[in-house]
Amino acid sequence: MISKKLVIFLISWIIENTEYKEEIKYPIFSVLSSSEMSEKACFSAKKCKVKAFYHREEETVFYVDELKPEEKICDLSIILHEIVHHYQKNENRNYDLDQETIWSLREKQAMYYQNLFLISQKRKNKNIGPENIVQCQGGSYLDLQYKYNNSN
């Protein structure tokens, strides 16, 4: 399980570094196996790539049991990303946009804050560690572009 200390750290970071300036009720955290995550997040028995997601109605962050946010900064950033979604859900703002556009914008905002979190933690760690989501996924953007361009 994710410790209360870790949740406090992430929420403090969000309050200090985003437009969300108030502490709100914590989301619920629930651990799932890979197969449970596949069913719940991807609606399929096949294994999916989703490692965590926020369920708006249940106000729950579901994350796969393989994540180690207490040990790995990339996994911690994933939990931060989902807590940002919890903040988004609890803001009292109305948008004159369709739901698909709102979802896309919220996802981009959560990814932006996830990247901002990673680079801030790298700077605190003598510039050691990943500085963006792409590096968490196994390489720099240029490394992945090189792989992509040479895989044809």
N, C-alpha and C. Protein backbone atom coordinates (compact mmCIF):
# COMPACT_ATOMS: atom_id res chain seq x y z
N MET A 1 0.83 -1.20 0.00
CA MET A 1 0.00 0.00 0.00
C MET A 1 0.88 1.26 0.00
N ILE A 2 0.28 2.32 -0.41
CA ILE A 2 0.96 3.60 -0.43
C ILE A 2 0.81 4.24 0.95
N SER A 3 1.93 4.66 1.50
CA SER A 3 1.92 5.23 2.85
C SER A 3 1.28 6.61 2.87
N LYS A 4 0.74 6.96 4.02
CA LYS A 4 0.16 8.29 4.20
C LYS A 4 1.24 9.36 4.01
N LYS A 5 2.44 9.07 4.46
CA LYS A 5 3.57 10.01 4.32
C LYS A 5 3.83 10.32 2.84
N LEU A 6 3.76 9.29 2.00
CA LEU A 6 3.98 9.47 0.57
C LEU A 6 2.86 10.31 -0.06
N VAL A 7 1.63 10.05 0.35
CA VAL A 7 0.49 10.81 -0.17
C VAL A 7 0.62 12.28 0.25
N ILE A 8 1.00 12.52 1.49
CA ILE A 8 1.20 13.89 1.96
C ILE A 8 2.28 14.59 1.14
N PHE A 9 3.38 13.89 0.86
CA PHE A 9 4.45 14.44 0.04
C PHE A 9 3.93 14.83 -1.35
N LEU A 10 3.19 13.94 -1.99
CA LEU A 10 2.69 14.21 -3.34
C LEU A 10 1.67 15.35 -3.35
N ILE A 11 0.77 15.36 -2.39
CA ILE A 11 -0.22 16.44 -2.34
C ILE A 11 0.46 17.77 -2.04
N SER A 12 1.46 17.76 -1.18
CA SER A 12 2.21 18.99 -0.90
C SER A 12 2.88 19.48 -2.17
N TRP A 13 3.46 18.56 -2.93
CA TRP A 13 4.10 18.95 -4.18
C TRP A 13 3.07 19.57 -5.12
N ILE A 14 1.91 18.96 -5.23
CA ILE A 14 0.84 19.47 -6.12
C ILE A 14 0.44 20.88 -5.68
N ILE A 15 0.24 21.09 -4.40
CA ILE A 15 -0.18 22.40 -3.89
C ILE A 15 0.90 23.46 -4.14
N GLU A 16 2.15 23.09 -4.01
CA GLU A 16 3.25 24.04 -4.21
C GLU A 16 3.54 24.33 -5.68
N ASN A 17 3.21 23.41 -6.58
CA ASN A 17 3.69 23.52 -7.97
C ASN A 17 2.60 23.56 -9.04
N THR A 18 1.36 23.59 -8.63
CA THR A 18 0.27 23.63 -9.61
C THR A 18 -0.72 24.71 -9.23
N GLU A 19 -1.79 24.85 -10.00
CA GLU A 19 -2.84 25.82 -9.65
C GLU A 19 -3.76 25.30 -8.55
N TYR A 20 -3.61 24.04 -8.16
CA TYR A 20 -4.42 23.48 -7.08
C TYR A 20 -3.77 23.86 -5.76
N LYS A 21 -4.42 24.72 -5.00
CA LYS A 21 -3.78 25.33 -3.83
C LYS A 21 -4.35 24.88 -2.49
N GLU A 22 -5.31 23.98 -2.50
CA GLU A 22 -5.90 23.53 -1.25
C GLU A 22 -5.79 22.02 -1.11
N GLU A 23 -5.59 21.59 0.12
CA GLU A 23 -5.62 20.15 0.37
C GLU A 23 -7.08 19.70 0.32
N ILE A 24 -7.33 18.59 -0.31
CA ILE A 24 -8.68 18.03 -0.37
C ILE A 24 -8.64 16.62 0.20
N LYS A 25 -9.81 16.05 0.36
CA LYS A 25 -9.90 14.67 0.85
C LYS A 25 -9.06 13.76 -0.03
N TYR A 26 -8.29 12.90 0.61
CA TYR A 26 -7.42 11.99 -0.15
C TYR A 26 -8.26 11.01 -0.96
N PRO A 27 -7.74 10.62 -2.12
CA PRO A 27 -8.41 9.54 -2.85
C PRO A 27 -8.18 8.22 -2.12
N ILE A 28 -8.95 7.25 -2.46
CA ILE A 28 -8.73 5.88 -1.98
C ILE A 28 -7.68 5.26 -2.90
N PHE A 29 -6.83 4.41 -2.37
CA PHE A 29 -5.83 3.71 -3.17
C PHE A 29 -6.13 2.23 -3.12
N SER A 30 -6.14 1.60 -4.29
CA SER A 30 -6.46 0.18 -4.37
C SER A 30 -5.48 -0.53 -5.31
N VAL A 31 -4.90 -1.60 -4.83
CA VAL A 31 -3.92 -2.37 -5.60
C VAL A 31 -4.64 -3.48 -6.37
N LEU A 32 -4.26 -3.65 -7.64
CA LEU A 32 -4.82 -4.69 -8.49
C LEU A 32 -3.70 -5.53 -9.09
N SER A 33 -4.00 -6.78 -9.37
CA SER A 33 -3.06 -7.61 -10.12
C SER A 33 -3.10 -7.16 -11.58
N SER A 34 -2.15 -7.62 -12.37
CA SER A 34 -2.12 -7.26 -13.80
C SER A 34 -3.40 -7.68 -14.51
N SER A 35 -3.88 -8.87 -14.20
CA SER A 35 -5.11 -9.34 -14.87
C SER A 35 -6.33 -8.53 -14.41
N GLU A 36 -6.38 -8.17 -13.13
CA GLU A 36 -7.48 -7.34 -12.65
C GLU A 36 -7.43 -5.96 -13.30
N MET A 37 -6.23 -5.41 -13.45
CA MET A 37 -6.08 -4.11 -14.09
C MET A 37 -6.54 -4.19 -15.55
N SER A 38 -6.17 -5.28 -16.21
CA SER A 38 -6.59 -5.46 -17.61
C SER A 38 -8.10 -5.44 -17.73
N GLU A 39 -8.78 -6.13 -16.84
CA GLU A 39 -10.24 -6.17 -16.86
C GLU A 39 -10.85 -4.81 -16.53
N LYS A 40 -10.34 -4.17 -15.51
CA LYS A 40 -10.94 -2.92 -15.03
C LYS A 40 -10.61 -1.72 -15.92
N ALA A 41 -9.37 -1.62 -16.38
CA ALA A 41 -8.95 -0.44 -17.14
C ALA A 41 -9.07 -0.61 -18.65
N CYS A 42 -8.88 -1.83 -19.12
CA CYS A 42 -8.86 -2.06 -20.57
C CYS A 42 -10.06 -2.87 -21.06
N PHE A 43 -10.90 -3.29 -20.11
CA PHE A 43 -12.11 -4.05 -20.44
C PHE A 43 -11.80 -5.28 -21.29
N SER A 44 -10.72 -5.94 -20.94
CA SER A 44 -10.27 -7.09 -21.70
C SER A 44 -9.50 -8.03 -20.79
N ALA A 45 -9.56 -9.32 -21.09
CA ALA A 45 -8.79 -10.29 -20.33
C ALA A 45 -7.32 -10.24 -20.73
N LYS A 46 -7.04 -9.63 -21.89
CA LYS A 46 -5.65 -9.51 -22.33
C LYS A 46 -4.93 -8.49 -21.45
N LYS A 47 -3.66 -8.74 -21.24
CA LYS A 47 -2.86 -7.81 -20.43
C LYS A 47 -2.75 -6.46 -21.16
N CYS A 48 -3.03 -5.40 -20.43
CA CYS A 48 -2.92 -4.07 -21.02
C CYS A 48 -1.72 -3.34 -20.41
N LYS A 49 -1.39 -2.20 -20.95
CA LYS A 49 -0.21 -1.46 -20.51
C LYS A 49 -0.52 -0.46 -19.39
N VAL A 50 -1.77 -0.33 -19.01
CA VAL A 50 -2.14 0.62 -17.96
C VAL A 50 -1.55 0.17 -16.63
N LYS A 51 -0.84 1.10 -15.98
CA LYS A 51 -0.24 0.79 -14.68
C LYS A 51 -1.04 1.38 -13.53
N ALA A 52 -1.84 2.40 -13.83
CA ALA A 52 -2.67 3.03 -12.81
C ALA A 52 -3.75 3.85 -13.52
N PHE A 53 -4.86 4.04 -12.84
CA PHE A 53 -5.88 4.96 -13.34
C PHE A 53 -6.75 5.44 -12.20
N TYR A 54 -7.37 6.57 -12.44
CA TYR A 54 -8.24 7.18 -11.44
C TYR A 54 -9.69 6.96 -11.85
N HIS A 55 -10.47 6.41 -10.95
CA HIS A 55 -11.90 6.19 -11.19
C HIS A 55 -12.65 7.33 -10.52
N ARG A 56 -13.25 8.18 -11.34
CA ARG A 56 -13.88 9.41 -10.85
C ARG A 56 -15.03 9.15 -9.87
N GLU A 57 -15.91 8.24 -10.21
CA GLU A 57 -17.08 8.00 -9.35
C GLU A 57 -16.68 7.39 -8.01
N GLU A 58 -15.71 6.51 -8.02
CA GLU A 58 -15.27 5.86 -6.78
C GLU A 58 -14.20 6.67 -6.04
N GLU A 59 -13.71 7.74 -6.68
CA GLU A 59 -12.62 8.55 -6.14
C GLU A 59 -11.47 7.67 -5.66
N THR A 60 -11.10 6.74 -6.54
CA THR A 60 -10.09 5.73 -6.22
C THR A 60 -8.99 5.72 -7.26
N VAL A 61 -7.76 5.66 -6.78
CA VAL A 61 -6.60 5.44 -7.64
C VAL A 61 -6.33 3.94 -7.60
N PHE A 62 -6.51 3.30 -8.73
CA PHE A 62 -6.18 1.88 -8.85
C PHE A 62 -4.78 1.81 -9.45
N TYR A 63 -3.95 0.96 -8.88
CA TYR A 63 -2.62 0.79 -9.45
C TYR A 63 -2.23 -0.68 -9.38
N VAL A 64 -1.42 -1.08 -10.36
CA VAL A 64 -1.02 -2.47 -10.49
C VAL A 64 0.01 -2.82 -9.42
N ASP A 65 -0.06 -4.03 -8.93
CA ASP A 65 0.79 -4.46 -7.81
C ASP A 65 2.28 -4.47 -8.14
N GLU A 66 2.63 -4.33 -9.40
CA GLU A 66 4.05 -4.28 -9.80
C GLU A 66 4.68 -2.91 -9.51
N LEU A 67 3.86 -1.88 -9.32
CA LEU A 67 4.40 -0.55 -9.04
C LEU A 67 5.00 -0.50 -7.64
N LYS A 68 6.12 0.19 -7.53
CA LYS A 68 6.82 0.36 -6.25
C LYS A 68 7.07 1.85 -6.02
N PRO A 69 6.01 2.63 -5.76
CA PRO A 69 6.19 4.08 -5.63
C PRO A 69 7.05 4.50 -4.45
N GLU A 70 7.20 3.65 -3.46
CA GLU A 70 8.06 3.98 -2.32
C GLU A 70 9.54 3.87 -2.70
N GLU A 71 9.83 3.14 -3.81
CA GLU A 71 11.21 2.87 -4.19
C GLU A 71 11.62 3.48 -5.53
N LYS A 72 10.68 3.59 -6.47
CA LYS A 72 11.02 4.00 -7.83
C LYS A 72 10.34 5.33 -8.18
N ILE A 73 11.15 6.29 -8.59
CA ILE A 73 10.64 7.63 -8.89
C ILE A 73 9.65 7.61 -10.05
N CYS A 74 9.87 6.78 -11.04
CA CYS A 74 8.92 6.71 -12.16
C CYS A 74 7.56 6.22 -11.68
N ASP A 75 7.55 5.22 -10.81
CA ASP A 75 6.29 4.71 -10.26
C ASP A 75 5.62 5.76 -9.38
N LEU A 76 6.43 6.50 -8.64
CA LEU A 76 5.89 7.57 -7.81
C LEU A 76 5.24 8.64 -8.68
N SER A 77 5.86 8.94 -9.81
CA SER A 77 5.29 9.96 -10.71
C SER A 77 3.96 9.50 -11.29
N ILE A 78 3.79 8.21 -11.47
CA ILE A 78 2.51 7.68 -11.96
C ILE A 78 1.41 7.94 -10.92
N ILE A 79 1.72 7.72 -9.66
CA ILE A 79 0.75 7.96 -8.60
C ILE A 79 0.43 9.46 -8.53
N LEU A 80 1.43 10.32 -8.66
CA LEU A 80 1.19 11.76 -8.70
C LEU A 80 0.23 12.11 -9.83
N HIS A 81 0.46 11.55 -11.01
CA HIS A 81 -0.39 11.78 -12.18
C HIS A 81 -1.85 11.47 -11.83
N GLU A 82 -2.08 10.36 -11.15
CA GLU A 82 -3.45 9.96 -10.81
C GLU A 82 -4.05 10.88 -9.73
N ILE A 83 -3.23 11.35 -8.81
CA ILE A 83 -3.73 12.28 -7.80
C ILE A 83 -4.11 13.61 -8.46
N VAL A 84 -3.38 14.02 -9.49
CA VAL A 84 -3.76 15.22 -10.25
C VAL A 84 -5.16 15.02 -10.82
N HIS A 85 -5.47 13.84 -11.32
CA HIS A 85 -6.83 13.57 -11.83
C HIS A 85 -7.86 13.72 -10.71
N HIS A 86 -7.50 13.32 -9.51
CA HIS A 86 -8.40 13.47 -8.37
C HIS A 86 -8.67 14.96 -8.11
N TYR A 87 -7.63 15.77 -8.20
CA TYR A 87 -7.81 17.22 -8.05
C TYR A 87 -8.67 17.79 -9.17
N GLN A 88 -8.43 17.33 -10.39
CA GLN A 88 -9.23 17.81 -11.52
C GLN A 88 -10.70 17.50 -11.31
N LYS A 89 -10.99 16.32 -10.84
CA LYS A 89 -12.37 15.90 -10.61
C LYS A 89 -13.04 16.76 -9.56
N ASN A 90 -12.28 17.20 -8.57
CA ASN A 90 -12.84 17.94 -7.45
C ASN A 90 -12.83 19.46 -7.61
N GLU A 91 -12.35 19.95 -8.74
CA GLU A 91 -12.39 21.40 -8.95
C GLU A 91 -13.79 21.79 -9.40
N ASN A 92 -14.22 22.95 -8.99
CA ASN A 92 -15.56 23.44 -9.35
C ASN A 92 -15.47 24.37 -10.54
N ARG A 93 -15.24 23.79 -11.70
CA ARG A 93 -15.15 24.57 -12.92
C ARG A 93 -16.00 23.91 -13.98
N ASN A 94 -16.64 24.73 -14.76
CA ASN A 94 -17.43 24.24 -15.88
C ASN A 94 -16.73 24.64 -17.17
N TYR A 95 -16.71 23.73 -18.09
CA TYR A 95 -16.09 23.98 -19.39
C TYR A 95 -17.13 23.83 -20.48
N ASP A 96 -17.09 24.70 -21.44
CA ASP A 96 -18.00 24.62 -22.58
C ASP A 96 -17.33 23.80 -23.68
N LEU A 97 -17.03 22.54 -23.31
CA LEU A 97 -16.35 21.62 -24.23
C LEU A 97 -17.00 20.25 -24.12
N ASP A 98 -16.84 19.45 -25.15
CA ASP A 98 -17.36 18.08 -25.08
C ASP A 98 -16.48 17.24 -24.14
N GLN A 99 -17.03 16.15 -23.65
CA GLN A 99 -16.34 15.32 -22.66
C GLN A 99 -15.02 14.75 -23.18
N GLU A 100 -14.96 14.40 -24.44
CA GLU A 100 -13.72 13.85 -25.01
C GLU A 100 -12.60 14.89 -24.97
N THR A 101 -12.92 16.13 -25.30
CA THR A 101 -11.93 17.20 -25.27
C THR A 101 -11.48 17.47 -23.84
N ILE A 102 -12.43 17.51 -22.92
CA ILE A 102 -12.09 17.73 -21.51
C ILE A 102 -11.17 16.62 -21.02
N TRP A 103 -11.50 15.37 -21.34
CA TRP A 103 -10.66 14.23 -20.93
C TRP A 103 -9.24 14.39 -21.50
N SER A 104 -9.15 14.74 -22.77
CA SER A 104 -7.84 14.89 -23.42
C SER A 104 -7.03 16.00 -22.76
N LEU A 105 -7.65 17.12 -22.47
CA LEU A 105 -6.94 18.23 -21.83
C LEU A 105 -6.51 17.88 -20.41
N ARG A 106 -7.36 17.17 -19.68
CA ARG A 106 -6.99 16.76 -18.33
C ARG A 106 -5.83 15.77 -18.35
N GLU A 107 -5.83 14.89 -19.31
CA GLU A 107 -4.73 13.92 -19.42
C GLU A 107 -3.42 14.64 -19.74
N LYS A 108 -3.48 15.59 -20.65
CA LYS A 108 -2.27 16.35 -21.00
C LYS A 108 -1.77 17.15 -19.80
N GLN A 109 -2.68 17.73 -19.03
CA GLN A 109 -2.27 18.48 -17.85
C GLN A 109 -1.60 17.55 -16.83
N ALA A 110 -2.19 16.38 -16.60
CA ALA A 110 -1.60 15.43 -15.65
C ALA A 110 -0.22 14.97 -16.12
N MET A 111 -0.05 14.76 -17.41
CA MET A 111 1.26 14.38 -17.94
C MET A 111 2.26 15.52 -17.79
N TYR A 112 1.82 16.75 -18.00
CA TYR A 112 2.68 17.91 -17.82
C TYR A 112 3.19 17.96 -16.39
N TYR A 113 2.29 17.82 -15.42
CA TYR A 113 2.70 17.87 -14.01
C TYR A 113 3.57 16.67 -13.63
N GLN A 114 3.30 15.54 -14.25
CA GLN A 114 4.14 14.36 -14.00
C GLN A 114 5.57 14.64 -14.47
N ASN A 115 5.72 15.22 -15.65
CA ASN A 115 7.05 15.58 -16.16
C ASN A 115 7.71 16.64 -15.29
N LEU A 116 6.95 17.64 -14.87
CA LEU A 116 7.47 18.69 -14.00
C LEU A 116 7.96 18.09 -12.68
N PHE A 117 7.21 17.15 -12.15
CA PHE A 117 7.61 16.46 -10.92
C PHE A 117 8.92 15.71 -11.12
N LEU A 118 9.03 14.97 -12.22
CA LEU A 118 10.24 14.20 -12.48
C LEU A 118 11.47 15.09 -12.59
N ILE A 119 11.36 16.18 -13.33
CA ILE A 119 12.53 17.06 -13.48
C ILE A 119 12.87 17.73 -12.15
N SER A 120 11.87 18.07 -11.35
CA SER A 120 12.16 18.71 -10.06
C SER A 120 12.86 17.73 -9.12
N GLN A 121 12.47 16.47 -9.17
CA GLN A 121 13.10 15.46 -8.32
C GLN A 121 14.52 15.15 -8.80
N LYS A 122 14.73 15.18 -10.11
CA LYS A 122 16.08 14.97 -10.65
C LYS A 122 17.01 16.09 -10.17
N ARG A 123 16.53 17.31 -10.20
CA ARG A 123 17.35 18.45 -9.76
C ARG A 123 17.69 18.34 -8.28
N LYS A 124 16.76 17.84 -7.47
CA LYS A 124 17.02 17.66 -6.04
C LYS A 124 17.99 16.51 -5.78
N ASN A 125 18.14 15.63 -6.78
CA ASN A 125 18.98 14.45 -6.65
C ASN A 125 20.28 14.58 -7.44
N LYS A 126 20.87 15.77 -7.44
CA LYS A 126 22.16 16.04 -8.12
C LYS A 126 22.11 15.67 -9.60
N ASN A 127 20.97 15.91 -10.23
CA ASN A 127 20.74 15.63 -11.65
C ASN A 127 20.84 14.15 -12.00
N ILE A 128 20.51 13.30 -11.06
CA ILE A 128 20.48 11.86 -11.32
C ILE A 128 19.03 11.42 -11.38
N GLY A 129 18.69 10.68 -12.42
CA GLY A 129 17.34 10.13 -12.55
C GLY A 129 16.64 10.63 -13.80
N PRO A 130 15.47 10.08 -14.06
CA PRO A 130 14.72 10.46 -15.26
C PRO A 130 14.15 11.87 -15.10
N GLU A 131 14.03 12.56 -16.22
CA GLU A 131 13.47 13.90 -16.17
C GLU A 131 12.15 14.01 -16.92
N ASN A 132 11.68 12.91 -17.48
CA ASN A 132 10.38 12.93 -18.16
C ASN A 132 9.81 11.52 -18.27
N ILE A 133 8.57 11.45 -18.67
CA ILE A 133 7.85 10.18 -18.77
C ILE A 133 8.53 9.24 -19.75
N VAL A 134 9.02 9.79 -20.86
CA VAL A 134 9.65 8.95 -21.89
C VAL A 134 10.86 8.21 -21.31
N GLN A 135 11.67 8.90 -20.51
CA GLN A 135 12.82 8.24 -19.91
C GLN A 135 12.37 7.16 -18.93
N CYS A 136 11.24 7.35 -18.30
CA CYS A 136 10.71 6.30 -17.41
C CYS A 136 10.30 5.06 -18.21
N GLN A 137 9.97 5.27 -19.46
CA GLN A 137 9.52 4.16 -20.29
C GLN A 137 10.65 3.48 -21.04
N GLY A 138 11.89 3.83 -20.73
CA GLY A 138 12.99 3.08 -21.30
C GLY A 138 13.91 3.81 -22.25
N GLY A 139 14.01 5.09 -22.18
CA GLY A 139 14.95 5.80 -23.03
C GLY A 139 14.58 7.25 -23.17
N SER A 140 15.47 8.02 -23.73
CA SER A 140 15.16 9.41 -24.01
C SER A 140 14.30 9.46 -25.26
N TYR A 141 13.71 10.60 -25.53
CA TYR A 141 12.91 10.78 -26.73
C TYR A 141 13.73 10.45 -27.97
N LEU A 142 14.97 10.92 -27.99
CA LEU A 142 15.82 10.66 -29.16
C LEU A 142 16.14 9.17 -29.29
N ASP A 143 16.38 8.50 -28.16
CA ASP A 143 16.62 7.06 -28.21
C ASP A 143 15.42 6.34 -28.82
N LEU A 144 14.24 6.72 -28.38
CA LEU A 144 13.04 6.06 -28.87
C LEU A 144 12.79 6.39 -30.34
N GLN A 145 13.07 7.63 -30.74
CA GLN A 145 12.94 7.99 -32.15
C GLN A 145 13.91 7.17 -33.00
N TYR A 146 15.15 7.01 -32.50
CA TYR A 146 16.14 6.24 -33.23
C TYR A 146 15.67 4.78 -33.39
N LYS A 147 15.15 4.20 -32.31
CA LYS A 147 14.61 2.84 -32.37
C LYS A 147 13.48 2.77 -33.39
N TYR A 148 12.57 3.75 -33.32
CA TYR A 148 11.42 3.75 -34.21
C TYR A 148 11.86 3.87 -35.67
N ASN A 149 12.76 4.80 -35.93
CA ASN A 149 13.20 5.03 -37.31
C ASN A 149 13.98 3.85 -37.87
N ASN A 150 14.66 3.10 -37.01
CA ASN A 150 15.46 1.96 -37.49
C ASN A 150 14.70 0.64 -37.42
N SER A 151 13.46 0.68 -37.01
CA SER A 151 12.70 -0.59 -36.94
C SER A 151 11.95 -0.89 -38.22
N ASN A 152 12.00 0.02 -39.20
CA ASN A 152 11.29 -0.18 -40.46
C ASN A 152 12.04 -1.09 -41.39
